[in-house]
PDB file of N, CA and C in Angstrom:
ATOM      1  N   UNK A   1      52.799  14.112  32.580  1.00  0.00           N
ATOM      2  CA  UNK A   1      51.834  14.296  31.927  1.00  0.00           C
ATOM      3  C   UNK A   1      52.345  14.363  30.393  1.00  0.00           C
ATOM      4  N   UNK A   2      51.006  13.992  29.658  1.00  0.00           N
ATOM      5  CA  UNK A   2      51.419  13.393  28.232  1.00  0.00           C
ATOM      6  C   UNK A   2      51.236  14.996  27.696  1.00  0.00           C
ATOM      7  N   UNK A   3      51.754  14.524  26.390  1.00  0.00           N
ATOM      8  CA  UNK A   3      51.614  15.718  25.129  1.00  0.00           C
ATOM      9  C   UNK A   3      50.788  16.162  24.945  1.00  0.00           C
ATOM     10  N   UNK A   4      49.737  15.211  24.764  1.00  0.00           N
ATOM     11  CA  UNK A   4      48.280  15.369  24.244  1.00  0.00           C
ATOM     12  C   UNK A   4      47.391  16.573  25.612  1.00  0.00           C
ATOM     13  N   UNK A   5      47.945  15.863  26.897  1.00  0.00           N
ATOM     14  CA  UNK A   5      47.248  16.787  27.775  1.00  0.00           C
ATOM     15  C   UNK A   5      47.811  17.976  27.978  1.00  0.00           C
ATOM     16  N   UNK A   6      49.166  18.005  27.654  1.00  0.00           N
ATOM     17  CA  UNK A   6      49.703  19.832  27.674  1.00  0.00           C
ATOM     18  C   UNK A   6      49.416  20.056  26.420  1.00  0.00           C
ATOM     19  N   UNK A   7      48.962  19.817  25.561  1.00  0.00           N
ATOM     20  CA  UNK A   7      48.632  20.829  23.977  1.00  0.00           C
ATOM     21  C   UNK A   7      47.313  20.685  24.488  1.00  0.00           C
ATOM     22  N   UNK A   8      46.277  20.385  25.281  1.00  0.00           N
ATOM     23  CA  UNK A   8      44.967  20.617  25.845  1.00  0.00           C
ATOM     24  C   UNK A   8      45.201  21.807  26.211  1.00  0.00           C
ATOM     25  N   UNK A   9      46.193  21.471  27.497  1.00  0.00           N
ATOM     26  CA  UNK A   9      46.024  22.839  28.307  1.00  0.00           C
ATOM     27  C   UNK A   9      46.675  23.806  27.948  1.00  0.00           C
ATOM     28  N   UNK A  10      47.488  24.096  26.943  1.00  0.00           N
ATOM     29  CA  UNK A  10      47.836  24.748  26.253  1.00  0.00           C
ATOM     30  C   UNK A  10      47.059  25.618  25.662  1.00  0.00           C
ATOM     31  N   UNK A  11      46.189  24.653  24.620  1.00  0.00           N
ATOM     32  CA  UNK A  11      45.438  25.762  23.822  1.00  0.00           C
ATOM     33  C   UNK A  11      44.338  26.156  24.598  1.00  0.00           C
ATOM     34  N   UNK A  12      43.656  25.586  25.708  1.00  0.00           N
ATOM     35  CA  UNK A  12      42.649  25.977  26.953  1.00  0.00           C
ATOM     36  C   UNK A  12      43.299  27.444  27.302  1.00  0.00           C
ATOM     37  N   UNK A  13      44.509  27.380  27.866  1.00  0.00           N
ATOM     38  CA  UNK A  13      45.444  28.397  28.313  1.00  0.00           C
ATOM     39  C   UNK A  13      45.188  29.603  27.133  1.00  0.00           C
ATOM     40  N   UNK A  14      45.451  29.558  26.061  1.00  0.00           N
ATOM     41  CA  UNK A  14      45.565  30.135  24.623  1.00  0.00           C
ATOM     42  C   UNK A  14      44.102  30.710  24.237  1.00  0.00           C
ATOM     43  N   UNK A  15      43.220  29.864  24.295  1.00  0.00           N
ATOM     44  CA  UNK A  15      41.807  30.580  24.400  1.00  0.00           C
ATOM     45  C   UNK A  15      41.283  31.247  25.560  1.00  0.00           C
ATOM     46  N   UNK A  16      41.992  31.046  26.651  1.00  0.00           N
ATOM     47  CA  UNK A  16      41.521  32.134  28.113  1.00  0.00           C
ATOM     48  C   UNK A  16      42.222  33.157  27.743  1.00  0.00           C
ATOM     49  N   UNK A  17      43.744  33.220  27.212  1.00  0.00           N
ATOM     50  CA  UNK A  17      44.037  34.485  27.159  1.00  0.00           C
ATOM     51  C   UNK A  17      43.792  35.443  26.368  1.00  0.00           C
ATOM     52  N   UNK A  18      43.176  34.892  24.752  1.00  0.00           N
ATOM     53  CA  UNK A  18      42.737  35.323  23.666  1.00  0.00           C
ATOM     54  C   UNK A  18      41.076  35.765  24.307  1.00  0.00           C
ATOM     55  N   UNK A  19      40.400  35.245  25.075  1.00  0.00           N
ATOM     56  CA  UNK A  19      39.000  35.332  26.024  1.00  0.00           C
ATOM     57  C   UNK A  19      39.480  36.960  26.805  1.00  0.00           C
ATOM     58  N   UNK A  20      40.272  36.830  27.233  1.00  0.00           N
ATOM     59  CA  UNK A  20      40.792  37.728  28.482  1.00  0.00           C
ATOM     60  C   UNK A  20      41.128  39.106  27.663  1.00  0.00           C
ATOM     61  N   UNK A  21      41.813  39.009  25.953  1.00  0.00           N
ATOM     62  CA  UNK A  21      42.087  40.226  25.254  1.00  0.00           C
ATOM     63  C   UNK A  21      40.677  40.430  25.111  1.00  0.00           C
ATOM     64  N   UNK A  22      40.016  39.760  24.235  1.00  0.00           N
ATOM     65  CA  UNK A  22      38.685  40.553  23.947  1.00  0.00           C
ATOM     66  C   UNK A  22      37.811  40.743  24.581  1.00  0.00           C
ATOM     67  N   UNK A  23      37.931  40.592  25.872  1.00  0.00           N
ATOM     68  CA  UNK A  23      36.844  41.210  27.102  1.00  0.00           C
ATOM     69  C   UNK A  23      37.612  42.621  27.620  1.00  0.00           C
ATOM     70  N   UNK A  24      39.179  42.874  27.566  1.00  0.00           N
ATOM     71  CA  UNK A  24      39.644  43.891  27.978  1.00  0.00           C
ATOM     72  C   UNK A  24      39.120  44.955  26.374  1.00  0.00           C
ATOM     73  N   UNK A  25      39.223  43.950  25.136  1.00  0.00           N
ATOM     74  CA  UNK A  25      38.799  45.134  24.129  1.00  0.00           C
ATOM     75  C   UNK A  25      37.549  45.492  24.280  1.00  0.00           C
ATOM     76  N   UNK A  26      36.900  44.920  24.268  1.00  0.00           N
ATOM     77  CA  UNK A  26      35.541  45.274  24.663  1.00  0.00           C
ATOM     78  C   UNK A  26      35.245  46.149  25.803  1.00  0.00           C
ATOM     79  N   UNK A  27      36.184  45.918  27.225  1.00  0.00           N
ATOM     80  CA  UNK A  27      35.812  47.045  28.178  1.00  0.00           C
ATOM     81  C   UNK A  27      36.475  48.382  27.208  1.00  0.00           C
ATOM     82  N   UNK A  28      37.590  48.468  26.511  1.00  0.00           N
ATOM     83  CA  UNK A  28      37.925  49.727  26.262  1.00  0.00           C
ATOM     84  C   UNK A  28      36.957  50.424  25.206  1.00  0.00           C
ATOM     85  N   UNK A  29      36.088  49.677  23.987  1.00  0.00           N
ATOM     86  CA  UNK A  29      35.171  50.178  23.401  1.00  0.00           C
ATOM     87  C   UNK A  29      33.886  50.744  24.237  1.00  0.00           C
ATOM     88  N   UNK A  30      33.609  50.102  25.517  1.00  0.00           N
ATOM     89  CA  UNK A  30      32.534  50.518  26.298  1.00  0.00           C
ATOM     90  C   UNK A  30      33.133  51.547  26.920  1.00  0.00           C
ATOM     91  N   UNK A  31      34.056  51.972  27.180  1.00  0.00           N
ATOM     92  CA  UNK A  31      34.256  53.004  28.266  1.00  0.00           C
ATOM     93  C   UNK A  31      34.190  54.287  26.571  1.00  0.00           C
ATOM     94  N   UNK A  32      34.958  54.067  25.574  1.00  0.00           N
ATOM     95  CA  UNK A  32      34.636  54.992  25.014  1.00  0.00           C
ATOM     96  C   UNK A  32      33.664  55.487  24.381  1.00  0.00           C
ATOM     97  N   UNK A  33      32.888  54.345  24.056  1.00  0.00           N
ATOM     98  CA  UNK A  33      30.970  54.752  24.144  1.00  0.00           C
ATOM     99  C   UNK A  33      30.615  55.212  24.877  1.00  0.00           C
ATOM    100  N   UNK A  34      30.761  55.214  26.266  1.00  0.00           N
ATOM    101  CA  UNK A  34      30.231  55.788  27.755  1.00  0.00           C
ATOM    102  C   UNK A  34      30.515  57.309  27.093  1.00  0.00           C
ATOM    103  N   UNK A  35      32.131  57.172  27.163  1.00  0.00           N
ATOM    104  CA  UNK A  35      32.534  58.026  26.723  1.00  0.00           C
ATOM    105  C   UNK A  35      31.913  59.737  25.657  1.00  0.00           C
ATOM    106  N   UNK A  36      31.850  58.460  24.501  1.00  0.00           N
ATOM    107  CA  UNK A  36      30.961  59.336  23.569  1.00  0.00           C
ATOM    108  C   UNK A  36      29.365  59.917  24.006  1.00  0.00           C
ATOM    109  N   UNK A  37      29.223  58.678  24.340  1.00  0.00           N
ATOM    110  CA  UNK A  37      27.846  58.799  24.468  1.00  0.00           C
ATOM    111  C   UNK A  37      27.477  60.582  25.732  1.00  0.00           C
ATOM    112  N   UNK A  38      28.307  60.489  26.463  1.00  0.00           N
ATOM    113  CA  UNK A  38      28.197  61.580  27.960  1.00  0.00           C
ATOM    114  C   UNK A  38      28.605  62.845  27.193  1.00  0.00           C
ATOM    115  N   UNK A  39      29.458  62.679  26.069  1.00  0.00           N
ATOM    116  CA  UNK A  39      29.619  64.140  25.476  1.00  0.00           C
ATOM    117  C   UNK A  39      28.542  64.587  24.590  1.00  0.00           C
ATOM    118  N   UNK A  40      27.648  63.499  23.305  1.00  0.00           N
ATOM    119  CA  UNK A  40      26.717  63.748  23.159  1.00  0.00           C
ATOM    120  C   UNK A  40      25.412  64.132  23.748  1.00  0.00           C
ATOM    121  N   UNK A  41      25.493  63.472  24.759  1.00  0.00           N
ATOM    122  CA  UNK A  41      24.645  64.054  26.143  1.00  0.00           C
ATOM    123  C   UNK A  41      24.357  65.625  25.904  1.00  0.00           C
ATOM    124  N   UNK A  42      25.757  65.684  26.342  1.00  0.00           N
ATOM    125  CA  UNK A  42      26.160  67.325  27.232  1.00  0.00           C
ATOM    126  C   UNK A  42      25.973  68.069  25.772  1.00  0.00           C
ATOM    127  N   UNK A  43      26.104  67.929  24.618  1.00  0.00           N
ATOM    128  CA  UNK A  43      26.016  68.845  23.505  1.00  0.00           C
ATOM    129  C   UNK A  43      24.385  68.759  23.100  1.00  0.00           C
ATOM    130  N   UNK A  44      23.578  67.882  23.505  1.00  0.00           N
ATOM    131  CA  UNK A  44      22.307  67.769  23.311  1.00  0.00           C
ATOM    132  C   UNK A  44      21.710  68.601  24.278  1.00  0.00           C
ATOM    133  N   UNK A  45      22.094  68.914  25.896  1.00  0.00           N
ATOM    134  CA  UNK A  45      21.647  69.487  26.770  1.00  0.00           C
ATOM    135  C   UNK A  45      21.866  71.078  26.407  1.00  0.00           C
ATOM    136  N   UNK A  46      22.795  71.049  25.832  1.00  0.00           N
ATOM    137  CA  UNK A  46      23.302  72.529  25.173  1.00  0.00           C
ATOM    138  C   UNK A  46      22.549  73.306  24.457  1.00  0.00           C
ATOM    139  N   UNK A  47      21.923  72.400  23.543  1.00  0.00           N
ATOM    140  CA  UNK A  47      21.502  72.596  22.244  1.00  0.00           C
ATOM    141  C   UNK A  47      19.609  72.740  22.973  1.00  0.00           C
ATOM    142  N   UNK A  48      19.229  71.915  24.240  1.00  0.00           N
ATOM    143  CA  UNK A  48      18.119  72.395  24.272  1.00  0.00           C
ATOM    144  C   UNK A  48      18.027  73.561  25.510  1.00  0.00           C
ATOM    145  N   UNK A  49      19.044  73.611  25.959  1.00  0.00           N
ATOM    146  CA  UNK A  49      19.065  74.880  26.923  1.00  0.00           C
ATOM    147  C   UNK A  49      18.959  76.272  25.995  1.00  0.00           C
ATOM    148  N   UNK A  50      19.630  76.013  24.764  1.00  0.00           N
ATOM    149  CA  UNK A  50      19.726  77.408  23.916  1.00  0.00           C
ATOM    150  C   UNK A  50      18.386  77.154  23.459  1.00  0.00           C
ATOM    151  N   UNK A  51      17.844  76.674  23.079  1.00  0.00           N
ATOM    152  CA  UNK A  51      16.010  76.440  22.217  1.00  0.00           C
ATOM    153  C   UNK A  51      15.184  76.798  23.367  1.00  0.00           C
ATOM    154  N   UNK A  52      15.737  76.242  24.897  1.00  0.00           N
ATOM    155  CA  UNK A  52      14.669  76.650  25.852  1.00  0.00           C
ATOM    156  C   UNK A  52      14.742  78.659  26.153  1.00  0.00           C
ATOM    157  N   UNK A  53      16.165  78.973  26.190  1.00  0.00           N
ATOM    158  CA  UNK A  53      16.507  80.217  26.036  1.00  0.00           C
ATOM    159  C   UNK A  53      15.755  80.936  25.227  1.00  0.00           C
ATOM    160  N   UNK A  54      15.878  80.808  23.784  1.00  0.00           N
ATOM    161  CA  UNK A  54      15.152  81.717  22.493  1.00  0.00           C
ATOM    162  C   UNK A  54      14.004  81.481  22.869  1.00  0.00           C
ATOM    163  N   UNK A  55      13.112  80.580  23.046  1.00  0.00           N
ATOM    164  CA  UNK A  55      11.457  80.239  23.346  1.00  0.00           C
ATOM    165  C   UNK A  55      11.279  80.978  24.817  1.00  0.00           C
ATOM    166  N   UNK A  56      11.487  81.102  25.677  1.00  0.00           N
ATOM    167  CA  UNK A  56      12.085  81.804  26.678  1.00  0.00           C
ATOM    168  C   UNK A  56      11.562  83.473  26.273  1.00  0.00           C
ATOM    169  N   UNK A  57      12.433  83.663  25.548  1.00  0.00           N
ATOM    170  CA  UNK A  57      13.125  84.819  25.270  1.00  0.00           C
ATOM    171  C   UNK A  57      11.983  85.720  24.179  1.00  0.00           C
ATOM    172  N   UNK A  58      11.474  84.890  23.363  1.00  0.00           N
ATOM    173  CA  UNK A  58      10.301  84.845  22.504  1.00  0.00           C
ATOM    174  C   UNK A  58       8.874  85.323  23.660  1.00  0.00           C
ATOM    175  N   UNK A  59       8.725  84.522  24.467  1.00  0.00           N
ATOM    176  CA  UNK A  59       7.306  84.504  25.234  1.00  0.00           C
ATOM    177  C   UNK A  59       7.601  85.542  26.187  1.00  0.00           C
ATOM    178  N   UNK A  60       8.784  86.071  26.838  1.00  0.00           N
ATOM    179  CA  UNK A  60       9.015  87.308  27.195  1.00  0.00           C
ATOM    180  C   UNK A  60       8.437  88.232  26.407  1.00  0.00           C
ATOM    181  N   UNK A  61       8.849  88.220  25.065  1.00  0.00           N
ATOM    182  CA  UNK A  61       9.187  89.701  24.193  1.00  0.00           C
ATOM    183  C   UNK A  61       7.733  89.711  23.726  1.00  0.00           C
ATOM    184  N   UNK A  62       6.548  88.495  23.693  1.00  0.00           N
ATOM    185  CA  UNK A  62       5.310  88.972  23.515  1.00  0.00           C
ATOM    186  C   UNK A  62       4.827  89.043  24.896  1.00  0.00           C
ATOM    187  N   UNK A  63       4.748  88.727  25.782  1.00  0.00           N
ATOM    188  CA  UNK A  63       4.060  89.716  26.838  1.00  0.00           C
ATOM    189  C   UNK A  63       4.256  90.811  27.268  1.00  0.00           C
ATOM    190  N   UNK A  64       5.466  91.389  27.147  1.00  0.00           N
ATOM    191  CA  UNK A  64       6.112  92.927  26.722  1.00  0.00           C
ATOM    192  C   UNK A  64       5.445  93.372  25.692  1.00  0.00           C
ATOM    193  N   UNK A  65       5.347  93.087  24.720  1.00  0.00           N
ATOM    194  CA  UNK A  65       4.383  93.614  23.418  1.00  0.00           C
ATOM    195  C   UNK A  65       2.868  93.372  23.834  1.00  0.00           C
ATOM    196  N   UNK A  66       2.368  92.320  24.348  1.00  0.00           N
ATOM    197  CA  UNK A  66       1.056  92.406  24.879  1.00  0.00           C
ATOM    198  C   UNK A  66       0.552  93.352  25.724  1.00  0.00           C
ATOM    199  N   UNK A  67       1.724  93.260  27.000  1.00  0.00           N
ATOM    200  CA  UNK A  67       1.315  94.339  28.044  1.00  0.00           C
ATOM    201  C   UNK A  67       1.668  96.190  27.511  1.00  0.00           C
ATOM    202  N   UNK A  68       2.317  96.070  26.666  1.00  0.00           N
ATOM    203  CA  UNK A  68       2.673  97.444  26.369  1.00  0.00           C
ATOM    204  C   UNK A  68       1.453  98.001  25.329  1.00  0.00           C
ATOM    205  N   UNK A  69       0.945  96.912  24.614  1.00  0.00           N
ATOM    206  CA  UNK A  69      -0.443  97.538  23.709  1.00  0.00           C
ATOM    207  C   UNK A  69      -1.654  97.721  24.808  1.00  0.00           C
ATOM    208  N   UNK A  70      -1.940  97.077  25.797  1.00  0.00           N
ATOM    209  CA  UNK A  70      -2.972  97.344  27.000  1.00  0.00           C
ATOM    210  C   UNK A  70      -2.863  98.385  27.670  1.00  0.00           C
ATOM    211  N   UNK A  71      -1.612  98.908  28.223  1.00  0.00           N
ATOM    212  CA  UNK A  71      -1.320 100.321  28.963  1.00  0.00           C
ATOM    213  C   UNK A  71      -1.390 101.521  27.338  1.00  0.00           C
ATOM    214  N   UNK A  72      -1.068 101.028  26.323  1.00  0.00           N
ATOM    215  CA  UNK A  72      -1.342 101.896  25.213  1.00  0.00           C
ATOM    216  C   UNK A  72      -2.828 102.418  25.298  1.00  0.00           C
ATOM    217  N   UNK A  73      -3.672 101.218  25.150  1.00  0.00           N
ATOM    218  CA  UNK A  73      -5.030 101.239  25.447  1.00  0.00           C
ATOM    219  C   UNK A  73      -6.021 101.887  26.366  1.00  0.00           C
ATOM    220  N   UNK A  74      -5.029 101.710  27.301  1.00  0.00           N
ATOM    221  CA  UNK A  74      -5.763 102.415  28.859  1.00  0.00           C
ATOM    222  C   UNK A  74      -5.146 103.799  28.595  1.00  0.00           C
ATOM    223  N   UNK A  75      -4.173 104.028  28.558  1.00  0.00           N
ATOM    224  CA  UNK A  75      -3.631 105.744  28.097  1.00  0.00           C
ATOM    225  C   UNK A  75      -4.650 105.876  27.222  1.00  0.00           C
ATOM    226  N   UNK A  76      -4.775 105.739  26.250  1.00  0.00           N
ATOM    227  CA  UNK A  76      -5.847 106.893  24.994  1.00  0.00           C
ATOM    228  C   UNK A  76      -6.768 106.496  26.108  1.00  0.00           C
ATOM    229  N   UNK A  77      -7.746 105.420  26.695  1.00  0.00           N
ATOM    230  CA  UNK A  77      -8.920 105.634  27.238  1.00  0.00           C
ATOM    231  C   UNK A  77      -8.725 106.817  28.473  1.00  0.00           C
ATOM    232  N   UNK A  78      -7.682 107.139  29.061  1.00  0.00           N
ATOM    233  CA  UNK A  78      -7.706 107.642  30.469  1.00  0.00           C
ATOM    234  C   UNK A  78      -7.269 109.739  29.464  1.00  0.00           C
ATOM    235  N   UNK A  79      -6.715 109.418  28.435  1.00  0.00           N
ATOM    236  CA  UNK A  79      -6.664 110.698  27.836  1.00  0.00           C
ATOM    237  C   UNK A  79      -8.231 111.427  27.440  1.00  0.00           C
ATOM    238  N   UNK A  80      -8.979 110.159  26.855  1.00  0.00           N
ATOM    239  CA  UNK A  80      -9.904 110.284  25.779  1.00  0.00           C
ATOM    240  C   UNK A  80     -11.074 111.036  27.305  1.00  0.00           C
ATOM    241  N   UNK A  81     -10.989 110.430  28.599  1.00  0.00           N
ATOM    242  CA  UNK A  81     -12.234 110.957  29.235  1.00  0.00           C
ATOM    243  C   UNK A  81     -11.508 112.236  30.075  1.00  0.00           C
ATOM    244  N   UNK A  82     -10.118 112.246  30.009  1.00  0.00           N
ATOM    245  CA  UNK A  82      -9.521 113.510  30.686  1.00  0.00           C
ATOM    246  C   UNK A  82      -9.771 114.889  29.733  1.00  0.00           C
ATOM    247  N   UNK A  83      -9.820 114.668  28.296  1.00  0.00           N
ATOM    248  CA  UNK A  83     -10.294 115.568  27.271  1.00  0.00           C
ATOM    249  C   UNK A  83     -11.531 115.790  27.793  1.00  0.00           C
ATOM    250  N   UNK A  84     -12.701 115.003  27.791  1.00  0.00           N
ATOM    251  CA  UNK A  84     -13.612 115.169  28.047  1.00  0.00           C
ATOM    252  C   UNK A  84     -14.126 115.790  28.957  1.00  0.00           C
ATOM    253  N   UNK A  85     -13.789 115.252  30.035  1.00  0.00           N
ATOM    254  CA  UNK A  85     -14.065 116.243  31.565  1.00  0.00           C
ATOM    255  C   UNK A  85     -13.479 117.760  31.322  1.00  0.00           C
ATOM    256  N   UNK A  86     -12.233 117.895  30.735  1.00  0.00           N
ATOM    257  CA  UNK A  86     -11.793 119.250  30.854  1.00  0.00           C
ATOM    258  C   UNK A  86     -12.678 120.227  29.436  1.00  0.00           C
ATOM    259  N   UNK A  87     -13.313 119.257  28.445  1.00  0.00           N
ATOM    260  CA  UNK A  87     -14.346 120.135  27.477  1.00  0.00           C
ATOM    261  C   UNK A  87     -15.282 120.458  28.548  1.00  0.00           C
ATOM    262  N   UNK A  88     -15.857 119.689  28.974  1.00  0.00           N
ATOM    263  CA  UNK A  88     -17.240 119.652  30.315  1.00  0.00           C
ATOM    264  C   UNK A  88     -17.168 120.611  31.079  1.00  0.00           C
ATOM    265  N   UNK A  89     -15.451 121.040  31.665  1.00  0.00           N
ATOM    266  CA  UNK A  89     -15.289 122.332  32.487  1.00  0.00           C
ATOM    267  C   UNK A  89     -15.305 123.586  31.842  1.00  0.00           C
ATOM    268  N   UNK A  90     -14.821 123.285  30.628  1.00  0.00           N
ATOM    269  CA  UNK A  90     -14.585 124.723  29.430  1.00  0.00           C
ATOM    270  C   UNK A  90     -15.905 124.913  29.106  1.00  0.00           C
ATOM    271  N   UNK A  91     -16.918 124.238  28.597  1.00  0.00           N
ATOM    272  CA  UNK A  91     -18.113 124.807  28.456  1.00  0.00           C
ATOM    273  C   UNK A  91     -18.679 124.638  29.673  1.00  0.00           C
ATOM    274  N   UNK A  92     -18.633 124.823  31.277  1.00  0.00           N
ATOM    275  CA  UNK A  92     -19.742 125.393  32.540  1.00  0.00           C
ATOM    276  C   UNK A  92     -18.873 126.553  32.646  1.00  0.00           C
ATOM    277  N   UNK A  93     -17.769 126.564  32.379  1.00  0.00           N
ATOM    278  CA  UNK A  93     -16.823 128.326  32.548  1.00  0.00           C
ATOM    279  C   UNK A  93     -17.323 129.678  31.494  1.00  0.00           C
ATOM    280  N   UNK A  94     -17.323 128.838  30.645  1.00  0.00           N
ATOM    281  CA  UNK A  94     -17.754 129.419  29.253  1.00  0.00           C
ATOM    282  C   UNK A  94     -19.390 129.858  29.137  1.00  0.00           C
ATOM    283  N   UNK A  95     -20.326 128.947  29.393  1.00  0.00           N
ATOM    284  CA  UNK A  95     -21.781 129.154  29.655  1.00  0.00           C
ATOM    285  C   UNK A  95     -22.037 130.031  30.781  1.00  0.00           C
ATOM    286  N   UNK A  96     -21.019 130.096  32.379  1.00  0.00           N
ATOM    287  CA  UNK A  96     -21.468 131.065  33.411  1.00  0.00           C
ATOM    288  C   UNK A  96     -20.271 132.128  33.432  1.00  0.00           C
ATOM    289  N   UNK A  97     -19.645 132.475  32.484  1.00  0.00           N
ATOM    290  CA  UNK A  97     -18.568 133.614  32.458  1.00  0.00           C
ATOM    291  C   UNK A  97     -19.129 135.251  32.659  1.00  0.00           C
ATOM    292  N   UNK A  98     -20.302 134.968  31.428  1.00  0.00           N
ATOM    293  CA  UNK A  98     -20.529 136.118  31.296  1.00  0.00           C
ATOM    294  C   UNK A  98     -21.700 136.997  33.238  1.00  0.00           C
ATOM    295  N   UNK A  99     -21.861 135.945  33.468  1.00  0.00           N
ATOM    296  CA  UNK A  99     -22.889 135.893  34.868  1.00  0.00           C
ATOM    297  C   UNK A  99     -22.033 136.013  35.550  1.00  0.00           C
ATOM    298  N   UNK A 100     -20.954 135.295  35.988  1.00  0.00           N
ATOM    299  CA  UNK A 100     -19.692 135.384  37.158  1.00  0.00           C
ATOM    300  C   UNK A 100     -19.059 136.908  36.781  1.00  0.00           C
ATOM    301  N   UNK A 101     -18.756 137.429  35.296  1.00  0.00           N
ATOM    302  CA  UNK A 101     -18.778 138.773  35.300  1.00  0.00           C
ATOM    303  C   UNK A 101     -19.377 139.503  36.171  1.00  0.00           C
ATOM    304  N   UNK A 102     -20.685 139.877  36.077  1.00  0.00           N
ATOM    305  CA  UNK A 102     -21.760 140.486  36.121  1.00  0.00           C
ATOM    306  C   UNK A 102     -21.652 140.815  37.641  1.00  0.00           C
ATOM    307  N   UNK A 103     -21.898 139.186  38.546  1.00  0.00           N
ATOM    308  CA  UNK A 103     -21.918 139.032  39.637  1.00  0.00           C
ATOM    309  C   UNK A 103     -20.553 139.726  40.481  1.00  0.00           C
ATOM    310  N   UNK A 104     -19.448 139.479  39.823  1.00  0.00           N
ATOM    311  CA  UNK A 104     -18.326 140.277  40.234  1.00  0.00           C
ATOM    312  C   UNK A 104     -18.408 141.375  40.517  1.00  0.00           C
ATOM    313  N   UNK A 105     -18.701 142.016  38.870  1.00  0.00           N
ATOM    314  CA  UNK A 105     -18.764 143.862  38.925  1.00  0.00           C
ATOM    315  C   UNK A 105     -19.980 144.292  39.844  1.00  0.00           C
ATOM    316  N   UNK A 106     -20.974 143.658  40.071  1.00  0.00           N
ATOM    317  CA  UNK A 106     -21.737 144.055  41.111  1.00  0.00           C
ATOM    318  C   UNK A 106     -21.235 143.958  42.124  1.00  0.00           C
ATOM    319  N   UNK A 107     -20.933 143.148  42.726  1.00  0.00           N
ATOM    320  CA  UNK A 107     -19.776 142.641  44.136  1.00  0.00           C
ATOM    321  C   UNK A 107     -19.204 144.148  44.374  1.00  0.00           C
ATOM    322  N   UNK A 108     -18.294 144.193  43.256  1.00  0.00           N
ATOM    323  CA  UNK A 108     -17.381 145.343  43.609  1.00  0.00           C
ATOM    324  C   UNK A 108     -18.037 146.693  43.588  1.00  0.00           C
ATOM    325  N   UNK A 109     -18.917 146.945  42.837  1.00  0.00           N
ATOM    326  CA  UNK A 109     -19.485 148.043  42.562  1.00  0.00           C
ATOM    327  C   UNK A 109     -20.428 148.826  44.120  1.00  0.00           C
ATOM    328  N   UNK A 110     -21.241 147.293  44.752  1.00  0.00           N
ATOM    329  CA  UNK A 110     -21.806 147.508  46.525  1.00  0.00           C
ATOM    330  C   UNK A 110     -20.426 147.836  47.098  1.00  0.00           C
ATOM    331  N   UNK A 111     -19.560 147.378  47.024  1.00  0.00           N
ATOM    332  CA  UNK A 111     -18.783 147.765  48.050  1.00  0.00           C
ATOM    333  C   UNK A 111     -18.586 148.941  48.292  1.00  0.00           C
TER     334      UNK A 111
END
């Protein structure tokens, strides 16, 4: 083989070797980028999970407070109704008390 051919073969071999080194370097960089991307994605997932929990907690607190207010309103309505019925019964008892006493006294005296 001539010196020129050997030189061209050596040049091609060097170019192929450099190309292989570049490909290896790129593969290493790609692997590192993938690793960084996975780390970043996991970090973002954790942030979103935290925000989701926070939002769910606030929503639950709001729902609980709303239910508490409805229960308080209902409780006041029931108490007011019970007080009204108690007053009605008390008024009926007071209105008929004298008559009831007379009836009991007359029944006792007749016996």
